[in-house]
Amino acid sequence: MLDILPPSGGNERLTLVVRRPDESLHDYLVRCQWELGDRVRFLASVRDAQWTILESERQRWRRHALLLTFTGPVIAALAYAGLGLCGAADSVPVPLVAGLIACAGLTGAALAIGIARIIDSIPNWLVTRRARRWA
């Protein structure tokens, strides 16, 4: 199989169709049209695949950003509410309470990243499971 993509970034090999010695001009032009059309379709499919991958990466980053944006404050608010419910906020010094809330927020961020990785691996897991079932 010929590699139609040039290694150095030039486009010489993309448009190069070598004429065979026993080929008439008409046959050569028809073959050029078919080969160049195949190359254009190939490049279009590569471009579409790259756009699909880029869009899935954008969606993944958007999910991670939203998860981190909302999880940190929620975990910190839950930590403050938990300290308030157990009465520790009245007897514990304020810097210690602030440190506990900050630690809870950081732990919540790590938890959010772990959840995001699990969510991102679910589609791949489903695909491999379906592939095993059909194999």
Protein backbone atom coordinates (compact mmCIF):
# COMPACT_ATOMS: atom_id res chain seq x y z
CA MET A 1 0.00 0.00 0.00
CA LEU A 2 1.36 3.40 -0.94
CA ASP A 3 1.55 6.14 1.62
CA ILE A 4 -0.06 9.12 -0.09
CA LEU A 5 0.77 11.59 2.64
CA PRO A 6 4.12 13.29 2.12
CA PRO A 7 6.70 12.88 4.90
CA SER A 8 8.11 16.41 4.72
CA GLY A 9 4.92 18.41 4.48
CA GLY A 10 5.24 19.10 0.74
CA ASN A 11 2.43 18.25 -1.64
CA GLU A 12 4.54 16.73 -4.43
CA ARG A 13 3.50 13.14 -3.70
CA LEU A 14 -0.16 13.94 -3.22
CA THR A 15 -0.65 14.99 -6.81
CA LEU A 16 1.95 12.75 -8.42
CA VAL A 17 0.49 9.97 -10.54
CA VAL A 18 3.11 8.16 -12.58
CA ARG A 19 2.19 7.22 -16.11
CA ARG A 20 2.71 3.56 -16.96
CA PRO A 21 4.75 2.77 -20.07
CA ASP A 22 1.97 0.85 -21.86
CA GLU A 23 -0.79 3.31 -20.94
CA SER A 24 -2.53 5.59 -23.41
CA LEU A 25 -3.07 9.24 -22.57
CA HIS A 26 -6.80 8.76 -22.15
CA ASP A 27 -6.33 5.79 -19.79
CA TYR A 28 -3.72 7.74 -17.85
CA LEU A 29 -6.02 10.76 -17.41
CA VAL A 30 -8.94 8.56 -16.33
CA ARG A 31 -6.71 6.75 -13.83
CA CYS A 32 -5.38 10.09 -12.55
CA GLN A 33 -8.91 11.33 -12.03
CA TRP A 34 -9.85 8.21 -10.05
CA GLU A 35 -6.66 8.18 -7.97
CA LEU A 36 -6.79 11.89 -7.19
CA GLY A 37 -10.49 11.57 -6.32
CA ASP A 38 -9.64 8.70 -3.95
CA ARG A 39 -6.93 10.82 -2.35
CA VAL A 40 -9.31 13.73 -1.87
CA ARG A 41 -11.90 11.42 -0.27
CA PHE A 42 -9.18 9.92 1.95
CA LEU A 43 -8.00 13.35 3.10
CA ALA A 44 -11.60 14.42 3.73
CA SER A 45 -12.21 11.34 5.87
CA VAL A 46 -9.00 12.02 7.83
CA ARG A 47 -10.10 15.63 8.34
CA ASP A 48 -13.54 14.51 9.53
CA ALA A 49 -11.98 12.01 11.93
CA GLN A 50 -9.71 14.70 13.33
CA TRP A 51 -12.67 17.05 13.80
CA THR A 52 -14.55 14.28 15.62
CA ILE A 53 -11.60 13.62 17.92
CA LEU A 54 -11.13 17.34 18.55
CA GLU A 55 -14.82 17.79 19.40
CA SER A 56 -14.79 14.83 21.80
CA GLU A 57 -11.71 16.30 23.51
CA ARG A 58 -13.46 19.68 23.79
CA GLN A 59 -16.48 18.02 25.35
CA ARG A 60 -14.26 16.09 27.77
CA TRP A 61 -12.43 19.26 28.85
CA ARG A 62 -15.75 21.07 29.22
CA ARG A 63 -17.09 18.26 31.43
CA HIS A 64 -13.94 18.32 33.56
CA ALA A 65 -14.05 22.11 33.94
CA LEU A 66 -17.72 22.09 34.93
CA LEU A 67 -17.20 19.23 37.35
CA LEU A 68 -14.25 20.95 39.00
CA THR A 69 -16.03 24.31 39.06
CA PHE A 70 -19.07 22.98 40.85
CA THR A 71 -17.54 20.26 43.00
CA GLY A 72 -15.01 22.40 44.88
CA PRO A 73 -17.50 24.92 46.31
CA VAL A 74 -20.10 22.24 47.02
CA ILE A 75 -17.61 20.11 48.99
CA ALA A 76 -16.38 23.17 50.90
CA ALA A 77 -19.97 24.20 51.71
CA LEU A 78 -20.80 20.67 52.85
CA ALA A 79 -17.69 20.65 55.06
CA TYR A 80 -18.72 23.96 56.63
CA ALA A 81 -22.27 22.69 57.13
CA GLY A 82 -20.93 19.47 58.68
CA LEU A 83 -18.71 21.43 61.06
CA GLY A 84 -21.65 23.66 61.94
CA LEU A 85 -23.97 20.72 62.59
CA CYS A 86 -21.57 18.92 64.88
CA GLY A 87 -20.83 22.14 66.78
CA ALA A 88 -17.12 22.14 66.05
CA ALA A 89 -17.25 25.61 64.51
CA ASP A 90 -17.96 27.17 67.93
CA SER A 91 -15.14 25.50 69.87
CA VAL A 92 -12.42 25.11 67.20
CA PRO A 93 -10.28 28.12 66.24
CA VAL A 94 -11.22 29.80 62.97
CA PRO A 95 -7.89 29.10 61.18
CA LEU A 96 -8.30 25.38 61.88
CA VAL A 97 -11.87 25.44 60.53
CA ALA A 98 -10.64 27.27 57.43
CA GLY A 99 -7.89 24.68 56.99
CA LEU A 100 -10.38 21.82 57.33
CA ILE A 101 -12.67 23.41 54.76
CA ALA A 102 -9.73 23.98 52.38
CA CYS A 103 -8.64 20.34 52.78
CA ALA A 104 -12.18 19.20 52.09
CA GLY A 105 -12.26 21.36 48.94
CA LEU A 106 -8.94 19.90 47.71
CA THR A 107 -10.13 16.38 48.46
CA GLY A 108 -13.33 17.15 46.58
CA ALA A 109 -11.29 18.31 43.57
CA ALA A 110 -9.32 15.05 43.59
CA LEU A 111 -12.58 13.15 43.90
CA ALA A 112 -14.02 15.12 40.97
CA ILE A 113 -10.99 14.31 38.80
CA GLY A 114 -11.35 10.62 39.70
CA ILE A 115 -15.05 10.66 38.85
CA ALA A 116 -14.29 12.43 35.55
CA ARG A 117 -11.76 9.73 34.61
CA ILE A 118 -14.27 7.01 35.40
CA ILE A 119 -16.95 8.76 33.34
CA ASP A 120 -14.50 9.15 30.43
CA SER A 121 -13.61 5.45 30.51
CA ILE A 122 -17.23 4.23 30.41
CA PRO A 123 -17.69 4.60 26.61
CA ASN A 124 -14.42 2.73 25.94
CA TRP A 125 -15.46 0.03 28.38
CA LEU A 126 -18.81 -0.35 26.64
CA VAL A 127 -17.14 -0.60 23.24
CA THR A 128 -14.70 -3.29 24.40
CA ARG A 129 -17.50 -5.20 26.09
CA ARG A 130 -19.58 -5.18 22.90
CA ALA A 131 -16.53 -6.20 20.88
CA ARG A 132 -15.90 -9.17 23.20
CA ARG A 133 -19.53 -10.23 22.96
CA TRP A 134 -19.44 -10.23 19.14
CA ALA A 135 -16.02 -11.88 18.88
